[in-house]
Amino acid sequence: MANSNFKNASIRLTFSNGVDALGKPRKKVKAYHNVSDAASPDEIYETARVLTEFGMKPLMNLEKQSNLSIYS
């Protein structure tokens, strides 16, 4: 049976950064590292909401990215 070990996690916030000359949406991505594996979706969302308040751009997307080592 395979096992896994948590290595690290980060959250990526994607902000709307206006539109380009062709009318396509422009995006700005900001990553925050050292996120706990135990962080719940509600805790991550609340953190992203607070971080968004520091800027002027609206939040478009929020992702948590986790890295695991998988071994047997």
N, C-alpha and C. Protein backbone atom coordinates (compact mmCIF):
# COMPACT_ATOMS: atom_id res chain seq x y z
N MET A 1 0.84 -1.17 0.00
CA MET A 1 0.00 0.00 0.00
C MET A 1 0.89 1.24 0.00
N ALA A 2 0.50 2.23 -0.76
CA ALA A 2 1.27 3.46 -0.87
C ALA A 2 0.96 4.40 0.29
N ASN A 3 1.97 5.16 0.69
CA ASN A 3 1.85 6.17 1.74
C ASN A 3 2.28 7.51 1.18
N SER A 4 1.99 8.56 1.91
CA SER A 4 2.41 9.89 1.47
C SER A 4 2.84 10.74 2.66
N ASN A 5 3.72 11.67 2.38
CA ASN A 5 4.17 12.67 3.36
C ASN A 5 3.93 14.04 2.76
N PHE A 6 3.34 14.92 3.56
CA PHE A 6 3.15 16.30 3.14
C PHE A 6 4.50 16.99 3.04
N LYS A 7 4.75 17.68 1.92
CA LYS A 7 6.00 18.43 1.75
C LYS A 7 5.77 19.92 1.98
N ASN A 8 4.88 20.52 1.20
CA ASN A 8 4.58 21.95 1.35
C ASN A 8 3.29 22.29 0.63
N ALA A 9 2.80 23.48 0.90
CA ALA A 9 1.58 23.95 0.24
C ALA A 9 1.67 25.46 0.05
N SER A 10 0.93 25.96 -0.91
CA SER A 10 0.85 27.39 -1.15
C SER A 10 -0.56 27.73 -1.63
N ILE A 11 -0.90 29.00 -1.53
CA ILE A 11 -2.15 29.45 -2.13
C ILE A 11 -1.82 30.43 -3.24
N ARG A 12 -2.63 30.37 -4.29
CA ARG A 12 -2.47 31.27 -5.44
C ARG A 12 -3.74 32.10 -5.58
N LEU A 13 -3.58 33.40 -5.54
CA LEU A 13 -4.69 34.31 -5.73
C LEU A 13 -4.57 34.91 -7.12
N THR A 14 -5.63 34.82 -7.90
CA THR A 14 -5.65 35.40 -9.24
C THR A 14 -6.57 36.61 -9.21
N PHE A 15 -6.03 37.76 -9.60
CA PHE A 15 -6.77 39.01 -9.57
C PHE A 15 -7.07 39.48 -10.99
N SER A 16 -8.18 40.18 -11.14
CA SER A 16 -8.51 40.82 -12.41
C SER A 16 -7.63 42.05 -12.54
N ASN A 17 -6.99 42.19 -13.69
CA ASN A 17 -6.08 43.31 -13.92
C ASN A 17 -6.51 44.09 -15.16
N GLY A 18 -7.83 44.24 -15.34
CA GLY A 18 -8.35 44.99 -16.48
C GLY A 18 -8.45 44.13 -17.73
N VAL A 19 -8.50 44.79 -18.88
CA VAL A 19 -8.56 44.10 -20.17
C VAL A 19 -7.48 44.64 -21.09
N ASP A 20 -7.07 43.79 -22.03
CA ASP A 20 -6.06 44.24 -22.99
C ASP A 20 -6.74 44.95 -24.17
N ALA A 21 -5.95 45.31 -25.18
CA ALA A 21 -6.47 46.05 -26.34
C ALA A 21 -7.50 45.25 -27.12
N LEU A 22 -7.46 43.93 -27.02
CA LEU A 22 -8.42 43.08 -27.73
C LEU A 22 -9.65 42.75 -26.89
N GLY A 23 -9.72 43.27 -25.68
CA GLY A 23 -10.85 43.03 -24.81
C GLY A 23 -10.76 41.77 -23.97
N LYS A 24 -9.61 41.11 -24.02
CA LYS A 24 -9.43 39.90 -23.21
C LYS A 24 -9.04 40.29 -21.79
N PRO A 25 -9.54 39.54 -20.81
CA PRO A 25 -9.20 39.88 -19.42
C PRO A 25 -7.72 39.65 -19.13
N ARG A 26 -7.13 40.57 -18.40
CA ARG A 26 -5.76 40.42 -17.94
C ARG A 26 -5.81 39.97 -16.50
N LYS A 27 -4.85 39.11 -16.14
CA LYS A 27 -4.82 38.53 -14.80
C LYS A 27 -3.48 38.80 -14.14
N LYS A 28 -3.50 38.92 -12.83
CA LYS A 28 -2.28 39.03 -12.04
C LYS A 28 -2.36 37.96 -10.97
N VAL A 29 -1.29 37.16 -10.85
CA VAL A 29 -1.28 36.05 -9.89
C VAL A 29 -0.28 36.35 -8.79
N LYS A 30 -0.71 36.13 -7.56
CA LYS A 30 0.16 36.29 -6.39
C LYS A 30 0.13 34.99 -5.61
N ALA A 31 1.29 34.45 -5.26
CA ALA A 31 1.39 33.19 -4.52
C ALA A 31 1.91 33.46 -3.12
N TYR A 32 1.34 32.74 -2.17
CA TYR A 32 1.79 32.79 -0.78
C TYR A 32 2.16 31.37 -0.37
N HIS A 33 3.37 31.21 0.13
CA HIS A 33 3.91 29.89 0.45
C HIS A 33 3.80 29.59 1.95
N ASN A 34 4.24 28.41 2.33
CA ASN A 34 4.26 27.95 3.72
C ASN A 34 2.87 27.85 4.33
N VAL A 35 1.91 27.38 3.54
CA VAL A 35 0.56 27.16 4.03
C VAL A 35 0.52 25.80 4.73
N SER A 36 -0.13 25.74 5.86
CA SER A 36 -0.23 24.50 6.62
C SER A 36 -1.11 23.49 5.89
N ASP A 37 -0.73 22.23 6.00
CA ASP A 37 -1.54 21.16 5.41
C ASP A 37 -2.90 21.08 6.11
N ALA A 38 -2.95 21.49 7.36
CA ALA A 38 -4.19 21.40 8.14
C ALA A 38 -5.13 22.58 7.90
N ALA A 39 -4.72 23.56 7.10
CA ALA A 39 -5.57 24.73 6.85
C ALA A 39 -6.84 24.32 6.13
N SER A 40 -7.97 24.68 6.71
CA SER A 40 -9.27 24.32 6.11
C SER A 40 -9.60 25.28 4.96
N PRO A 41 -10.50 24.88 4.09
CA PRO A 41 -10.92 25.78 3.00
C PRO A 41 -11.48 27.11 3.54
N ASP A 42 -12.22 27.07 4.65
CA ASP A 42 -12.76 28.31 5.23
C ASP A 42 -11.63 29.23 5.71
N GLU A 43 -10.61 28.65 6.33
CA GLU A 43 -9.48 29.46 6.80
C GLU A 43 -8.71 30.06 5.63
N ILE A 44 -8.52 29.29 4.58
CA ILE A 44 -7.81 29.80 3.40
C ILE A 44 -8.61 30.91 2.74
N TYR A 45 -9.91 30.70 2.62
CA TYR A 45 -10.77 31.72 2.00
C TYR A 45 -10.74 33.02 2.80
N GLU A 46 -10.83 32.92 4.12
CA GLU A 46 -10.82 34.11 4.97
C GLU A 46 -9.48 34.84 4.85
N THR A 47 -8.39 34.09 4.81
CA THR A 47 -7.08 34.70 4.62
C THR A 47 -6.99 35.42 3.29
N ALA A 48 -7.48 34.78 2.22
CA ALA A 48 -7.47 35.41 0.90
C ALA A 48 -8.33 36.67 0.88
N ARG A 49 -9.47 36.63 1.57
CA ARG A 49 -10.34 37.80 1.63
C ARG A 49 -9.62 38.98 2.29
N VAL A 50 -8.93 38.71 3.38
CA VAL A 50 -8.19 39.76 4.08
C VAL A 50 -7.06 40.29 3.20
N LEU A 51 -6.32 39.40 2.55
CA LEU A 51 -5.23 39.83 1.67
C LEU A 51 -5.74 40.67 0.50
N THR A 52 -6.92 40.32 -0.01
CA THR A 52 -7.51 41.06 -1.13
C THR A 52 -7.85 42.49 -0.72
N GLU A 53 -8.21 42.69 0.54
CA GLU A 53 -8.56 44.02 1.02
C GLU A 53 -7.37 44.98 0.98
N PHE A 54 -6.14 44.47 0.93
CA PHE A 54 -4.96 45.33 0.87
C PHE A 54 -4.77 45.95 -0.52
N GLY A 55 -5.39 45.37 -1.53
CA GLY A 55 -5.22 45.85 -2.89
C GLY A 55 -6.50 46.42 -3.45
N MET A 56 -6.43 46.81 -4.72
CA MET A 56 -7.58 47.41 -5.39
C MET A 56 -8.19 46.49 -6.44
N LYS A 57 -7.54 45.38 -6.75
CA LYS A 57 -8.01 44.50 -7.81
C LYS A 57 -8.94 43.43 -7.24
N PRO A 58 -10.04 43.11 -7.95
CA PRO A 58 -10.95 42.07 -7.46
C PRO A 58 -10.36 40.67 -7.63
N LEU A 59 -10.66 39.80 -6.68
CA LEU A 59 -10.20 38.42 -6.71
C LEU A 59 -11.03 37.62 -7.70
N MET A 60 -10.36 36.91 -8.61
CA MET A 60 -11.05 36.09 -9.60
C MET A 60 -11.05 34.62 -9.22
N ASN A 61 -9.93 34.16 -8.64
CA ASN A 61 -9.78 32.73 -8.37
C ASN A 61 -8.84 32.54 -7.19
N LEU A 62 -9.07 31.44 -6.47
CA LEU A 62 -8.24 31.09 -5.32
C LEU A 62 -7.95 29.60 -5.40
N GLU A 63 -6.67 29.22 -5.28
CA GLU A 63 -6.28 27.81 -5.35
C GLU A 63 -5.33 27.48 -4.21
N LYS A 64 -5.46 26.26 -3.70
CA LYS A 64 -4.47 25.74 -2.76
C LYS A 64 -3.72 24.64 -3.51
N GLN A 65 -2.42 24.73 -3.53
CA GLN A 65 -1.59 23.73 -4.19
C GLN A 65 -0.75 23.03 -3.13
N SER A 66 -0.87 21.71 -3.07
CA SER A 66 -0.13 20.91 -2.09
C SER A 66 0.82 19.95 -2.80
N ASN A 67 1.97 19.73 -2.20
CA ASN A 67 2.94 18.78 -2.72
C ASN A 67 3.12 17.66 -1.72
N LEU A 68 3.04 16.43 -2.20
CA LEU A 68 3.20 15.25 -1.37
C LEU A 68 4.29 14.38 -1.93
N SER A 69 5.00 13.70 -1.05
CA SER A 69 5.90 12.62 -1.46
C SER A 69 5.11 11.31 -1.30
N ILE A 70 5.07 10.53 -2.37
CA ILE A 70 4.34 9.26 -2.32
C ILE A 70 5.36 8.13 -2.42
N TYR A 71 5.24 7.18 -1.52
CA TYR A 71 6.18 6.07 -1.48
C TYR A 71 5.47 4.80 -1.05
N SER A 72 6.15 3.70 -1.22
CA SER A 72 5.55 2.41 -0.80
C SER A 72 6.22 1.89 0.45
